[in-house]
Amino acid sequence: MLAFECDYLEGAHERILQRLVETNYDKAPGYSSDQYCASAIEKIRQACKCPEAEVYFLVGGTQTNAIVIDAILQKYEGVIAAETGHVNVHEAGAIEHSGHKVMTIPSHCGKIDAAELAAYLEGFWNDPSHEHMVFPGMVYISYPTEYGTLYSKKELEEIRQVCQKYEIPLYMDGARLGYGLMSKECDLTLPVMAELCDVFYIGGTKVGALCGEAVVFTKKNMPKHFVTMVKQKGAMLAKGRLLGIQFDTLFTNNLYFEISAHAINMAEKLKAGFKERGYSFYLDSPTNQQFIILSNEEIEQLKDKVSFEFWGPIDEGHQIVRFATSWATREEDIDALMMILDENKKFG
């Protein structure tokens, strides 16, 4: 069975596993106060060209979103997100469970529009009864988006300007950040993200780590007693070294960017293969997630040989499916997938 349903199917990059073994018997204090976390934090600051950045390591994306959003918002505030945003669709109500509403605005291939964001905020503050409503307290975006699309530098600057006007922070979910940064269509860098976002996270779980996300507060704005809140929510890893070692390795000799570029190269090969065979795409994604339209018959032919993610019906006879590449995708697996497609067309 070939597997393309997500980008965290494999364990971890071999350099990470090697470092974990090499350091296994080293003595280190707990709760991310160890030397490996300190080294990783410094490397992330350097990569972001943000020496004042405050960095904290958490285990997973939903956990990170829920904790960061809850820590930043007041009790009466909610978070604005695209209607397709991960916090709105695929996090099991984690944000609402913390007492904060996800306030949605239209999604354009996964992205929000700065003008629509401004209109939403203006409408709230101009409503004479807004004291009886949930206050918009921050803006959430994903990079890449849930549809593999990217914000341009201009789009991010425009969203930032709106956030500054209304004095609310901009938070970027970077679960697949490496795959966005290494896309050929990316015109952003880590330093630019650090400049334009109040907080973002660098995803490790989907980009070569066993687990882990690095939260970066860029404006000396880590919420007061953030670490205490992390522990209160049961999210503090006693052996924080496990996260520090992974990120220290990922940010040594450009490994994070090297393996992210591999995923993009594999996605381009996969995309080209589907295009050459006449398949249609739901949208044009420049990153590692590719959304392809398959007929119900084609799905039946493929599902016992290839795993992929069902994204939803487009009409009675067709569905959108997602194929994802990763840091560990092998070129021979894509070649094998294309052979299966060819065989299905030949005998279908």
C-alpha atoms as a PDB file:
ATOM      1  CA  MET A   1       0.000   0.000   0.000  1.00  0.00           C
ATOM      2  CA  LEU A   2       1.397   3.387  -1.038  1.00  0.00           C
ATOM      3  CA  ALA A   3       0.658   6.114   1.505  1.00  0.00           C
ATOM      4  CA  PHE A   4       0.057   9.789   0.695  1.00  0.00           C
ATOM      5  CA  GLU A   5      -2.770  10.714   3.064  1.00  0.00           C
ATOM      6  CA  CYS A   6      -0.755  13.108   5.264  1.00  0.00           C
ATOM      7  CA  ASP A   7       2.715  14.459   5.954  1.00  0.00           C
ATOM      8  CA  TYR A   8       3.383  12.793   9.297  1.00  0.00           C
ATOM      9  CA  LEU A   9       3.280   9.135   8.345  1.00  0.00           C
ATOM     10  CA  GLU A  10       6.922   8.440   9.162  1.00  0.00           C
ATOM     11  CA  GLY A  11       8.803   8.745  12.456  1.00  0.00           C
ATOM     12  CA  ALA A  12      11.667  11.246  12.409  1.00  0.00           C
ATOM     13  CA  HIS A  13      14.647  12.204  10.332  1.00  0.00           C
ATOM     14  CA  GLU A  14      17.635   9.955  10.990  1.00  0.00           C
ATOM     15  CA  ARG A  15      19.789  12.833  12.266  1.00  0.00           C
ATOM     16  CA  ILE A  16      17.248  13.457  15.000  1.00  0.00           C
ATOM     17  CA  LEU A  17      17.147   9.798  15.948  1.00  0.00           C
ATOM     18  CA  GLN A  18      20.935   9.746  16.004  1.00  0.00           C
ATOM     19  CA  ARG A  19      21.085  12.797  18.292  1.00  0.00           C
ATOM     20  CA  LEU A  20      18.506  11.289  20.621  1.00  0.00           C
ATOM     21  CA  VAL A  21      20.616   8.156  20.941  1.00  0.00           C
ATOM     22  CA  GLU A  22      23.888  10.083  21.327  1.00  0.00           C
ATOM     23  CA  THR A  23      22.489  12.238  24.138  1.00  0.00           C
ATOM     24  CA  ASN A  24      20.404   9.546  25.799  1.00  0.00           C
ATOM     25  CA  TYR A  25      22.571   9.209  28.907  1.00  0.00           C
ATOM     26  CA  ASP A  26      23.388  12.895  29.262  1.00  0.00           C
ATOM     27  CA  LYS A  27      22.013  14.413  32.432  1.00  0.00           C
ATOM     28  CA  ALA A  28      19.723  17.393  31.823  1.00  0.00           C
ATOM     29  CA  PRO A  29      17.201  19.322  33.943  1.00  0.00           C
ATOM     30  CA  GLY A  30      13.537  18.969  33.117  1.00  0.00           C
ATOM     31  CA  TYR A  31      10.717  21.142  31.802  1.00  0.00           C
ATOM     32  CA  SER A  32      12.678  22.565  28.838  1.00  0.00           C
ATOM     33  CA  SER A  33      15.274  24.235  31.073  1.00  0.00           C
ATOM     34  CA  ASP A  34      18.009  22.043  29.591  1.00  0.00           C
ATOM     35  CA  GLN A  35      21.008  22.888  27.427  1.00  0.00           C
ATOM     36  CA  TYR A  36      19.453  21.452  24.262  1.00  0.00           C
ATOM     37  CA  CYS A  37      16.396  23.688  24.463  1.00  0.00           C
ATOM     38  CA  ALA A  38      18.650  26.672  25.155  1.00  0.00           C
ATOM     39  CA  SER A  39      20.729  25.884  22.086  1.00  0.00           C
ATOM     40  CA  ALA A  40      17.650  25.364  19.900  1.00  0.00           C
ATOM     41  CA  ILE A  41      16.125  28.641  21.089  1.00  0.00           C
ATOM     42  CA  GLU A  42      19.280  30.545  20.161  1.00  0.00           C
ATOM     43  CA  LYS A  43      19.380  28.944  16.711  1.00  0.00           C
ATOM     44  CA  ILE A  44      15.730  29.814  16.099  1.00  0.00           C
ATOM     45  CA  ARG A  45      16.359  33.414  17.174  1.00  0.00           C
ATOM     46  CA  GLN A  46      19.241  33.599  14.718  1.00  0.00           C
ATOM     47  CA  ALA A  47      17.181  32.064  11.905  1.00  0.00           C
ATOM     48  CA  CYS A  48      14.426  34.618  12.560  1.00  0.00           C
ATOM     49  CA  LYS A  49      16.930  37.466  13.010  1.00  0.00           C
ATOM     50  CA  CYS A  50      14.957  38.254  16.130  1.00  0.00           C
ATOM     51  CA  PRO A  51      17.299  38.179  19.154  1.00  0.00           C
ATOM     52  CA  GLU A  52      14.510  39.280  21.474  1.00  0.00           C
ATOM     53  CA  ALA A  53      12.222  36.387  20.493  1.00  0.00           C
ATOM     54  CA  GLU A  54      10.813  34.268  23.296  1.00  0.00           C
ATOM     55  CA  VAL A  55      10.551  30.620  22.257  1.00  0.00           C
ATOM     56  CA  TYR A  56       8.726  27.769  23.930  1.00  0.00           C
ATOM     57  CA  PHE A  57       8.420  24.148  22.785  1.00  0.00           C
ATOM     58  CA  LEU A  58       5.129  22.256  22.797  1.00  0.00           C
ATOM     59  CA  VAL A  59       4.306  18.769  21.592  1.00  0.00           C
ATOM     60  CA  GLY A  60       1.541  19.145  18.985  1.00  0.00           C
ATOM     61  CA  GLY A  61      -0.331  21.616  16.813  1.00  0.00           C
ATOM     62  CA  THR A  62      -3.805  21.527  18.381  1.00  0.00           C
ATOM     63  CA  GLN A  63      -2.260  21.759  21.832  1.00  0.00           C
ATOM     64  CA  THR A  64      -0.182  24.730  20.673  1.00  0.00           C
ATOM     65  CA  ASN A  65      -3.111  26.569  19.110  1.00  0.00           C
ATOM     66  CA  ALA A  66      -5.358  26.012  22.106  1.00  0.00           C
ATOM     67  CA  ILE A  67      -2.760  27.148  24.648  1.00  0.00           C
ATOM     68  CA  VAL A  68      -1.440  30.161  22.733  1.00  0.00           C
ATOM     69  CA  ILE A  69      -4.908  31.450  21.880  1.00  0.00           C
ATOM     70  CA  ASP A  70      -6.231  30.953  25.408  1.00  0.00           C
ATOM     71  CA  ALA A  71      -3.154  32.587  26.939  1.00  0.00           C
ATOM     72  CA  ILE A  72      -3.409  35.685  24.761  1.00  0.00           C
ATOM     73  CA  LEU A  73      -7.164  36.284  24.823  1.00  0.00           C
ATOM     74  CA  GLN A  74      -9.197  37.842  27.592  1.00  0.00           C
ATOM     75  CA  LYS A  75     -12.185  35.834  28.814  1.00  0.00           C
ATOM     76  CA  TYR A  76     -14.606  37.872  26.735  1.00  0.00           C
ATOM     77  CA  GLU A  77     -12.607  37.635  23.497  1.00  0.00           C
ATOM     78  CA  GLY A  78     -12.613  35.295  20.521  1.00  0.00           C
ATOM     79  CA  VAL A  79     -10.267  34.608  17.636  1.00  0.00           C
ATOM     80  CA  ILE A  80     -10.945  35.514  13.998  1.00  0.00           C
ATOM     81  CA  ALA A  81     -10.127  32.800  11.462  1.00  0.00           C
ATOM     82  CA  ALA A  82     -11.001  31.724   7.946  1.00  0.00           C
ATOM     83  CA  GLU A  83     -14.046  29.476   7.879  1.00  0.00           C
ATOM     84  CA  THR A  84     -11.692  26.739   6.625  1.00  0.00           C
ATOM     85  CA  GLY A  85      -9.126  27.450   9.367  1.00  0.00           C
ATOM     86  CA  HIS A  86      -7.783  24.496  11.306  1.00  0.00           C
ATOM     87  CA  VAL A  87      -8.967  25.918  14.632  1.00  0.00           C
ATOM     88  CA  ASN A  88     -12.491  26.114  13.222  1.00  0.00           C
ATOM     89  CA  VAL A  89     -12.721  22.799  11.393  1.00  0.00           C
ATOM     90  CA  HIS A  90     -10.287  20.144  12.587  1.00  0.00           C
ATOM     91  CA  GLU A  91      -9.519  20.766  16.249  1.00  0.00           C
ATOM     92  CA  ALA A  92     -12.596  19.209  17.845  1.00  0.00           C
ATOM     93  CA  GLY A  93     -13.731  22.473  19.391  1.00  0.00           C
ATOM     94  CA  ALA A  94     -10.478  22.847  21.368  1.00  0.00           C
ATOM     95  CA  ILE A  95     -10.669  26.639  21.199  1.00  0.00           C
ATOM     96  CA  GLU A  96     -14.323  26.745  22.234  1.00  0.00           C
ATOM     97  CA  HIS A  97     -13.543  24.271  25.015  1.00  0.00           C
ATOM     98  CA  SER A  98     -11.207  26.887  26.490  1.00  0.00           C
ATOM     99  CA  GLY A  99     -14.075  29.396  26.549  1.00  0.00           C
ATOM    100  CA  HIS A 100     -13.219  31.353  23.389  1.00  0.00           C
ATOM    101  CA  LYS A 101     -15.308  31.570  20.253  1.00  0.00           C
ATOM    102  CA  VAL A 102     -13.836  31.065  16.785  1.00  0.00           C
ATOM    103  CA  MET A 103     -15.243  33.932  14.739  1.00  0.00           C
ATOM    104  CA  THR A 104     -15.127  33.085  11.052  1.00  0.00           C
ATOM    105  CA  ILE A 105     -14.790  35.203   7.935  1.00  0.00           C
ATOM    106  CA  PRO A 106     -14.808  33.986   4.309  1.00  0.00           C
ATOM    107  CA  SER A 107     -12.038  31.759   3.024  1.00  0.00           C
ATOM    108  CA  HIS A 108     -10.458  32.292  -0.377  1.00  0.00           C
ATOM    109  CA  CYS A 109      -8.623  29.064  -1.174  1.00  0.00           C
ATOM    110  CA  GLY A 110      -7.817  28.908   2.538  1.00  0.00           C
ATOM    111  CA  LYS A 111      -6.799  32.549   2.950  1.00  0.00           C
ATOM    112  CA  ILE A 112      -8.502  35.522   4.555  1.00  0.00           C
ATOM    113  CA  ASP A 113      -8.722  38.894   2.837  1.00  0.00           C
ATOM    114  CA  ALA A 114      -7.453  42.008   4.598  1.00  0.00           C
ATOM    115  CA  ALA A 115     -10.354  44.159   3.370  1.00  0.00           C
ATOM    116  CA  GLU A 116     -12.915  41.645   4.613  1.00  0.00           C
ATOM    117  CA  LEU A 117     -11.087  41.420   7.941  1.00  0.00           C
ATOM    118  CA  ALA A 118     -11.196  45.210   8.245  1.00  0.00           C
ATOM    119  CA  ALA A 119     -14.904  45.265   7.391  1.00  0.00           C
ATOM    120  CA  TYR A 120     -15.608  42.617  10.033  1.00  0.00           C
ATOM    121  CA  LEU A 121     -13.748  44.561  12.717  1.00  0.00           C
ATOM    122  CA  GLU A 122     -15.277  47.874  11.687  1.00  0.00           C
ATOM    123  CA  GLY A 123     -18.730  46.329  11.798  1.00  0.00           C
ATOM    124  CA  PHE A 124     -18.133  45.036  15.299  1.00  0.00           C
ATOM    125  CA  TRP A 125     -16.912  48.322  16.725  1.00  0.00           C
ATOM    126  CA  ASN A 126     -19.645  50.324  14.975  1.00  0.00           C
ATOM    127  CA  ASP A 127     -22.374  48.089  16.385  1.00  0.00           C
ATOM    128  CA  PRO A 128     -23.878  50.012  19.326  1.00  0.00           C
ATOM    129  CA  SER A 129     -24.582  46.712  21.106  1.00  0.00           C
ATOM    130  CA  HIS A 130     -21.083  45.298  20.798  1.00  0.00           C
ATOM    131  CA  GLU A 131     -20.731  45.159  24.588  1.00  0.00           C
ATOM    132  CA  HIS A 132     -23.163  42.232  24.402  1.00  0.00           C
ATOM    133  CA  MET A 133     -21.029  40.372  21.857  1.00  0.00           C
ATOM    134  CA  VAL A 134     -17.828  38.344  21.820  1.00  0.00           C
ATOM    135  CA  PHE A 135     -14.944  40.766  21.247  1.00  0.00           C
ATOM    136  CA  PRO A 136     -12.512  39.993  18.399  1.00  0.00           C
ATOM    137  CA  GLY A 137      -9.224  39.609  20.268  1.00  0.00           C
ATOM    138  CA  MET A 138      -6.770  38.206  17.737  1.00  0.00           C
ATOM    139  CA  VAL A 139      -6.426  37.013  14.147  1.00  0.00           C
ATOM    140  CA  TYR A 140      -5.423  33.446  13.265  1.00  0.00           C
ATOM    141  CA  ILE A 141      -3.967  32.440   9.905  1.00  0.00           C
ATOM    142  CA  SER A 142      -2.128  29.347   8.654  1.00  0.00           C
ATOM    143  CA  TYR A 143       1.001  29.236   6.518  1.00  0.00           C
ATOM    144  CA  PRO A 144       0.630  27.290   4.342  1.00  0.00           C
ATOM    145  CA  THR A 145      -3.143  27.278   4.609  1.00  0.00           C
ATOM    146  CA  GLU A 146      -5.201  24.160   5.014  1.00  0.00           C
ATOM    147  CA  TYR A 147      -5.429  24.089   1.207  1.00  0.00           C
ATOM    148  CA  GLY A 148      -1.689  24.358   0.668  1.00  0.00           C
ATOM    149  CA  THR A 149      -1.900  27.966  -0.509  1.00  0.00           C
ATOM    150  CA  LEU A 150       0.408  30.793   0.542  1.00  0.00           C
ATOM    151  CA  TYR A 151       0.014  34.373   1.654  1.00  0.00           C
ATOM    152  CA  SER A 152       2.233  36.762  -0.256  1.00  0.00           C
ATOM    153  CA  LYS A 153       4.326  39.288   1.607  1.00  0.00           C
ATOM    154  CA  LYS A 154       1.942  42.010   0.424  1.00  0.00           C
ATOM    155  CA  GLU A 155      -1.103  40.108   1.711  1.00  0.00           C
ATOM    156  CA  LEU A 156       0.535  39.509   5.076  1.00  0.00           C
ATOM    157  CA  GLU A 157       1.539  43.165   5.350  1.00  0.00           C
ATOM    158  CA  GLU A 158      -2.047  44.212   4.642  1.00  0.00           C
ATOM    159  CA  ILE A 159      -3.411  41.877   7.301  1.00  0.00           C
ATOM    160  CA  ARG A 160      -0.782  43.164   9.722  1.00  0.00           C
ATOM    161  CA  GLN A 161      -1.865  46.749   9.085  1.00  0.00           C
ATOM    162  CA  VAL A 162      -5.471  45.884   9.929  1.00  0.00           C
ATOM    163  CA  CYS A 163      -4.376  44.148  13.128  1.00  0.00           C
ATOM    164  CA  GLN A 164      -2.303  47.150  14.141  1.00  0.00           C
ATOM    165  CA  LYS A 165      -5.176  49.540  13.463  1.00  0.00           C
ATOM    166  CA  TYR A 166      -7.473  47.579  15.760  1.00  0.00           C
ATOM    167  CA  GLU A 167      -4.685  46.707  18.224  1.00  0.00           C
ATOM    168  CA  ILE A 168      -5.099  42.950  18.093  1.00  0.00           C
ATOM    169  CA  PRO A 169      -2.289  40.400  17.654  1.00  0.00           C
ATOM    170  CA  LEU A 170      -1.658  38.368  14.521  1.00  0.00           C
ATOM    171  CA  TYR A 171      -0.999  34.666  15.121  1.00  0.00           C
ATOM    172  CA  MET A 172       0.323  32.339  12.419  1.00  0.00           C
ATOM    173  CA  ASP A 173      -0.104  28.566  12.599  1.00  0.00           C
ATOM    174  CA  GLY A 174       3.069  27.148  11.071  1.00  0.00           C
ATOM    175  CA  ALA A 175       2.391  23.425  11.306  1.00  0.00           C
ATOM    176  CA  ARG A 176       3.763  23.085   7.755  1.00  0.00           C
ATOM    177  CA  LEU A 177       5.880  26.215   7.831  1.00  0.00           C
ATOM    178  CA  GLY A 178       8.937  24.627   6.216  1.00  0.00           C
ATOM    179  CA  TYR A 179       6.912  23.499   3.222  1.00  0.00           C
ATOM    180  CA  GLY A 180       5.624  27.020   2.744  1.00  0.00           C
ATOM    181  CA  LEU A 181       9.027  28.650   3.058  1.00  0.00           C
ATOM    182  CA  MET A 182      10.609  26.314   0.510  1.00  0.00           C
ATOM    183  CA  SER A 183       7.862  26.645  -2.070  1.00  0.00           C
ATOM    184  CA  LYS A 184       8.978  28.280  -5.300  1.00  0.00           C
ATOM    185  CA  GLU A 185       6.106  30.758  -4.914  1.00  0.00           C
ATOM    186  CA  CYS A 186       7.091  31.896  -1.414  1.00  0.00           C
ATOM    187  CA  ASP A 187       8.249  35.497  -1.101  1.00  0.00           C
ATOM    188  CA  LEU A 188       8.425  35.424   2.705  1.00  0.00           C
ATOM    189  CA  THR A 189      11.273  34.561   5.054  1.00  0.00           C
ATOM    190  CA  LEU A 190      11.429  33.703   8.730  1.00  0.00           C
ATOM    191  CA  PRO A 191      12.711  37.213   9.579  1.00  0.00           C
ATOM    192  CA  VAL A 192       9.797  38.796   7.698  1.00  0.00           C
ATOM    193  CA  MET A 193       7.342  36.548   9.534  1.00  0.00           C
ATOM    194  CA  ALA A 194       8.930  37.525  12.833  1.00  0.00           C
ATOM    195  CA  GLU A 195       8.500  41.176  11.884  1.00  0.00           C
ATOM    196  CA  LEU A 196       4.876  40.921  10.753  1.00  0.00           C
ATOM    197  CA  CYS A 197       3.463  38.361  13.231  1.00  0.00           C
ATOM    198  CA  ASP A 198       3.100  38.831  16.969  1.00  0.00           C
ATOM    199  CA  VAL A 199       3.416  35.102  17.476  1.00  0.00           C
ATOM    200  CA  PHE A 200       3.824  32.106  15.197  1.00  0.00           C
ATOM    201  CA  TYR A 201       5.006  28.570  15.505  1.00  0.00           C
ATOM    202  CA  ILE A 202       7.501  26.496  13.590  1.00  0.00           C
ATOM    203  CA  GLY A 203       6.053  23.069  12.968  1.00  0.00           C
ATOM    204  CA  GLY A 204       8.214  20.058  13.657  1.00  0.00           C
ATOM    205  CA  THR A 205       5.687  17.216  13.805  1.00  0.00           C
ATOM    206  CA  LYS A 206       4.992  17.442  10.070  1.00  0.00           C
ATOM    207  CA  VAL A 207       8.538  18.479   9.138  1.00  0.00           C
ATOM    208  CA  GLY A 208      10.945  15.804  10.270  1.00  0.00           C
ATOM    209  CA  ALA A 209      10.447  15.589  14.040  1.00  0.00           C
ATOM    210  CA  LEU A 210       8.841  12.808  16.029  1.00  0.00           C
ATOM    211  CA  CYS A 211       6.749  15.537  17.619  1.00  0.00           C
ATOM    212  CA  GLY A 212       7.067  19.164  18.580  1.00  0.00           C
ATOM    213  CA  GLU A 213       6.242  22.745  17.684  1.00  0.00           C
ATOM    214  CA  ALA A 214       8.346  25.814  18.497  1.00  0.00           C
ATOM    215  CA  VAL A 215       6.214  28.806  19.523  1.00  0.00           C
ATOM    216  CA  VAL A 216       7.902  32.128  18.773  1.00  0.00           C
ATOM    217  CA  PHE A 217       6.710  35.305  20.490  1.00  0.00           C
ATOM    218  CA  THR A 218       8.366  38.056  18.484  1.00  0.00           C
ATOM    219  CA  LYS A 219       7.669  41.306  20.339  1.00  0.00           C
ATOM    220  CA  LYS A 220       8.654  40.488  23.935  1.00  0.00           C
ATOM    221  CA  ASN A 221       4.977  39.675  24.258  1.00  0.00           C
ATOM    222  CA  MET A 222       4.893  36.186  25.744  1.00  0.00           C
ATOM    223  CA  PRO A 223       1.840  36.256  28.044  1.00  0.00           C
ATOM    224  CA  LYS A 224       2.635  36.686  31.708  1.00  0.00           C
ATOM    225  CA  HIS A 225       3.230  33.327  33.389  1.00  0.00           C
ATOM    226  CA  PHE A 226       2.850  31.513  30.059  1.00  0.00           C
ATOM    227  CA  VAL A 227       4.894  28.562  31.312  1.00  0.00           C
ATOM    228  CA  THR A 228       2.615  28.249  34.332  1.00  0.00           C
ATOM    229  CA  MET A 229      -0.416  28.195  32.045  1.00  0.00           C
ATOM    230  CA  VAL A 230       1.197  25.495  29.907  1.00  0.00           C
ATOM    231  CA  LYS A 231       1.667  23.336  32.999  1.00  0.00           C
ATOM    232  CA  GLN A 232      -1.820  24.091  34.272  1.00  0.00           C
ATOM    233  CA  LYS A 233      -3.236  22.668  31.058  1.00  0.00           C
ATOM    234  CA  GLY A 234      -1.194  19.493  31.338  1.00  0.00           C
ATOM    235  CA  ALA A 235       0.933  20.367  28.320  1.00  0.00           C
ATOM    236  CA  MET A 236       4.356  20.608  29.892  1.00  0.00           C
ATOM    237  CA  LEU A 237       6.732  17.831  28.931  1.00  0.00           C
ATOM    238  CA  ALA A 238       8.885  16.834  31.899  1.00  0.00           C
ATOM    239  CA  LYS A 239      11.658  15.632  29.598  1.00  0.00           C
ATOM    240  CA  GLY A 240      11.612  18.816  27.551  1.00  0.00           C
ATOM    241  CA  ARG A 241      15.046  17.866  26.227  1.00  0.00           C
ATOM    242  CA  LEU A 242      13.272  15.597  23.731  1.00  0.00           C
ATOM    243  CA  LEU A 243      11.831  18.684  22.024  1.00  0.00           C
ATOM    244  CA  GLY A 244      14.991  20.747  22.374  1.00  0.00           C
ATOM    245  CA  ILE A 245      17.192  18.074  20.812  1.00  0.00           C
ATOM    246  CA  GLN A 246      14.859  17.754  17.846  1.00  0.00           C
ATOM    247  CA  PHE A 247      14.711  21.468  17.092  1.00  0.00           C
ATOM    248  CA  ASP A 248      18.399  21.927  17.773  1.00  0.00           C
ATOM    249  CA  THR A 249      19.023  19.273  15.124  1.00  0.00           C
ATOM    250  CA  LEU A 250      16.499  20.684  12.664  1.00  0.00           C
ATOM    251  CA  PHE A 251      18.135  24.116  12.881  1.00  0.00           C
ATOM    252  CA  THR A 252      21.690  22.818  12.490  1.00  0.00           C
ATOM    253  CA  ASN A 253      23.192  23.058   8.984  1.00  0.00           C
ATOM    254  CA  ASN A 254      19.835  24.087   7.466  1.00  0.00           C
ATOM    255  CA  LEU A 255      18.307  20.633   7.925  1.00  0.00           C
ATOM    256  CA  TYR A 256      14.791  22.039   8.401  1.00  0.00           C
ATOM    257  CA  PHE A 257      14.939  23.843   5.071  1.00  0.00           C
ATOM    258  CA  GLU A 258      16.737  21.037   3.255  1.00  0.00           C
ATOM    259  CA  ILE A 259      14.130  18.405   4.087  1.00  0.00           C
ATOM    260  CA  SER A 260      11.275  20.848   3.464  1.00  0.00           C
ATOM    261  CA  ALA A 261      12.652  21.515  -0.023  1.00  0.00           C
ATOM    262  CA  HIS A 262      12.661  17.762  -0.652  1.00  0.00           C
ATOM    263  CA  ALA A 263       8.930  17.602   0.122  1.00  0.00           C
ATOM    264  CA  ILE A 264       8.271  20.415  -2.359  1.00  0.00           C
ATOM    265  CA  ASN A 265      10.315  18.703  -5.056  1.00  0.00           C
ATOM    266  CA  MET A 266       8.335  15.514  -4.522  1.00  0.00           C
ATOM    267  CA  ALA A 267       5.059  17.449  -4.642  1.00  0.00           C
ATOM    268  CA  GLU A 268       6.070  19.015  -7.956  1.00  0.00           C
ATOM    269  CA  LYS A 269       6.834  15.569  -9.351  1.00  0.00           C
ATOM    270  CA  LEU A 270       3.500  14.250  -8.116  1.00  0.00           C
ATOM    271  CA  LYS A 271       1.629  17.247  -9.516  1.00  0.00           C
ATOM    272  CA  ALA A 272       3.319  16.909 -12.904  1.00  0.00           C
ATOM    273  CA  GLY A 273       2.470  13.204 -13.031  1.00  0.00           C
ATOM    274  CA  PHE A 274      -1.225  13.814 -12.407  1.00  0.00           C
ATOM    275  CA  LYS A 275      -1.301  16.666 -14.933  1.00  0.00           C
ATOM    276  CA  GLU A 276       0.385  14.593 -17.635  1.00  0.00           C
ATOM    277  CA  ARG A 277      -2.343  12.001 -17.186  1.00  0.00           C
ATOM    278  CA  GLY A 278      -5.141  14.508 -17.587  1.00  0.00           C
ATOM    279  CA  TYR A 279      -6.352  14.787 -14.018  1.00  0.00           C
ATOM    280  CA  SER A 280      -7.981  17.992 -12.763  1.00  0.00           C
ATOM    281  CA  PHE A 281      -7.024  19.865  -9.613  1.00  0.00           C
ATOM    282  CA  TYR A 282      -9.403  21.543  -7.174  1.00  0.00           C
ATOM    283  CA  LEU A 283      -6.972  24.435  -6.846  1.00  0.00           C
ATOM    284  CA  ASP A 284      -3.368  25.234  -7.634  1.00  0.00           C
ATOM    285  CA  SER A 285      -1.328  24.487  -4.522  1.00  0.00           C
ATOM    286  CA  PRO A 286       2.368  25.434  -4.589  1.00  0.00           C
ATOM    287  CA  THR A 287       3.198  23.375  -1.512  1.00  0.00           C
ATOM    288  CA  ASN A 288       3.212  19.752  -0.421  1.00  0.00           C
ATOM    289  CA  GLN A 289      -0.561  19.251  -0.343  1.00  0.00           C
ATOM    290  CA  GLN A 290      -2.179  18.552  -3.699  1.00  0.00           C
ATOM    291  CA  PHE A 291      -5.962  18.485  -4.113  1.00  0.00           C
ATOM    292  CA  ILE A 292      -7.071  16.351  -7.029  1.00  0.00           C
ATOM    293  CA  ILE A 293     -10.529  15.638  -8.422  1.00  0.00           C
ATOM    294  CA  LEU A 294     -11.217  11.932  -8.891  1.00  0.00           C
ATOM    295  CA  SER A 295     -14.331  10.185 -10.116  1.00  0.00           C
ATOM    296  CA  ASN A 296     -15.989   7.705  -7.810  1.00  0.00           C
ATOM    297  CA  GLU A 297     -14.840   4.941 -10.145  1.00  0.00           C
ATOM    298  CA  GLU A 298     -11.230   6.121  -9.999  1.00  0.00           C
ATOM    299  CA  ILE A 299     -11.399   6.185  -6.219  1.00  0.00           C
ATOM    300  CA  GLU A 300     -12.649   2.615  -6.148  1.00  0.00           C
ATOM    301  CA  GLN A 301      -9.782   1.570  -8.402  1.00  0.00           C
ATOM    302  CA  LEU A 302      -7.172   3.280  -6.209  1.00  0.00           C
ATOM    303  CA  LYS A 303      -8.296   2.837  -2.628  1.00  0.00           C
ATOM    304  CA  ASP A 304      -6.961  -0.697  -2.130  1.00  0.00           C
ATOM    305  CA  LYS A 305      -3.524   0.219  -3.489  1.00  0.00           C
ATOM    306  CA  VAL A 306      -3.005   3.827  -2.380  1.00  0.00           C
ATOM    307  CA  SER A 307      -4.051   5.726   0.731  1.00  0.00           C
ATOM    308  CA  PHE A 308      -5.077   9.385   0.415  1.00  0.00           C
ATOM    309  CA  GLU A 309      -7.302  11.840   2.266  1.00  0.00           C
ATOM    310  CA  PHE A 310     -10.940  12.385   1.294  1.00  0.00           C
ATOM    311  CA  TRP A 311     -11.647  16.125   1.259  1.00  0.00           C
ATOM    312  CA  GLY A 312     -15.272  16.187   0.149  1.00  0.00           C
ATOM    313  CA  PRO A 313     -17.600  15.748  -2.833  1.00  0.00           C
ATOM    314  CA  ILE A 314     -17.534  18.201  -5.702  1.00  0.00           C
ATOM    315  CA  ASP A 315     -20.563  16.706  -7.457  1.00  0.00           C
ATOM    316  CA  GLU A 316     -22.442  13.410  -7.470  1.00  0.00           C
ATOM    317  CA  GLY A 317     -19.773  11.598  -9.419  1.00  0.00           C
ATOM    318  CA  HIS A 318     -16.551  13.205  -8.213  1.00  0.00           C
ATOM    319  CA  GLN A 319     -14.667  13.908  -5.003  1.00  0.00           C
ATOM    320  CA  ILE A 320     -11.779  16.098  -3.941  1.00  0.00           C
ATOM    321  CA  VAL A 321      -8.941  14.039  -2.498  1.00  0.00           C
ATOM    322  CA  ARG A 322      -5.652  15.141  -1.004  1.00  0.00           C
ATOM    323  CA  PHE A 323      -2.254  13.667  -1.738  1.00  0.00           C
ATOM    324  CA  ALA A 324       0.491  14.928   0.579  1.00  0.00           C
ATOM    325  CA  THR A 325       4.243  14.613   0.285  1.00  0.00           C
ATOM    326  CA  SER A 326       6.676  15.074   3.151  1.00  0.00           C
ATOM    327  CA  TRP A 327      10.306  15.271   4.148  1.00  0.00           C
ATOM    328  CA  ALA A 328      10.421  11.470   3.831  1.00  0.00           C
ATOM    329  CA  THR A 329       8.582  10.914   0.548  1.00  0.00           C
ATOM    330  CA  ARG A 330      10.544   8.654  -1.789  1.00  0.00           C
ATOM    331  CA  GLU A 331      10.723   9.324  -5.499  1.00  0.00           C
ATOM    332  CA  GLU A 332      10.177   5.634  -6.213  1.00  0.00           C
ATOM    333  CA  ASP A 333       6.831   5.762  -4.405  1.00  0.00           C
ATOM    334  CA  ILE A 334       5.640   8.510  -6.729  1.00  0.00           C
ATOM    335  CA  ASP A 335       6.855   6.478  -9.713  1.00  0.00           C
ATOM    336  CA  ALA A 336       4.910   3.498  -8.367  1.00  0.00           C
ATOM    337  CA  LEU A 337       1.794   5.663  -7.961  1.00  0.00           C
ATOM    338  CA  MET A 338       2.034   6.794 -11.581  1.00  0.00           C
ATOM    339  CA  MET A 339       2.330   3.175 -12.722  1.00  0.00           C
ATOM    340  CA  ILE A 340      -0.855   2.356 -10.832  1.00  0.00           C
ATOM    341  CA  LEU A 341      -2.644   5.302 -12.449  1.00  0.00           C
ATOM    342  CA  ASP A 342      -1.481   4.148 -15.876  1.00  0.00           C
ATOM    343  CA  GLU A 343      -2.633   0.592 -15.220  1.00  0.00           C
ATOM    344  CA  ASN A 344      -6.025   1.778 -14.017  1.00  0.00           C
ATOM    345  CA  LYS A 345      -6.515   3.897 -17.132  1.00  0.00           C
ATOM    346  CA  LYS A 346      -5.406   1.009 -19.342  1.00  0.00           C
ATOM    347  CA  PHE A 347      -7.767  -1.529 -17.822  1.00  0.00           C
ATOM    348  CA  GLY A 348     -10.436   0.791 -16.482  1.00  0.00           C
END
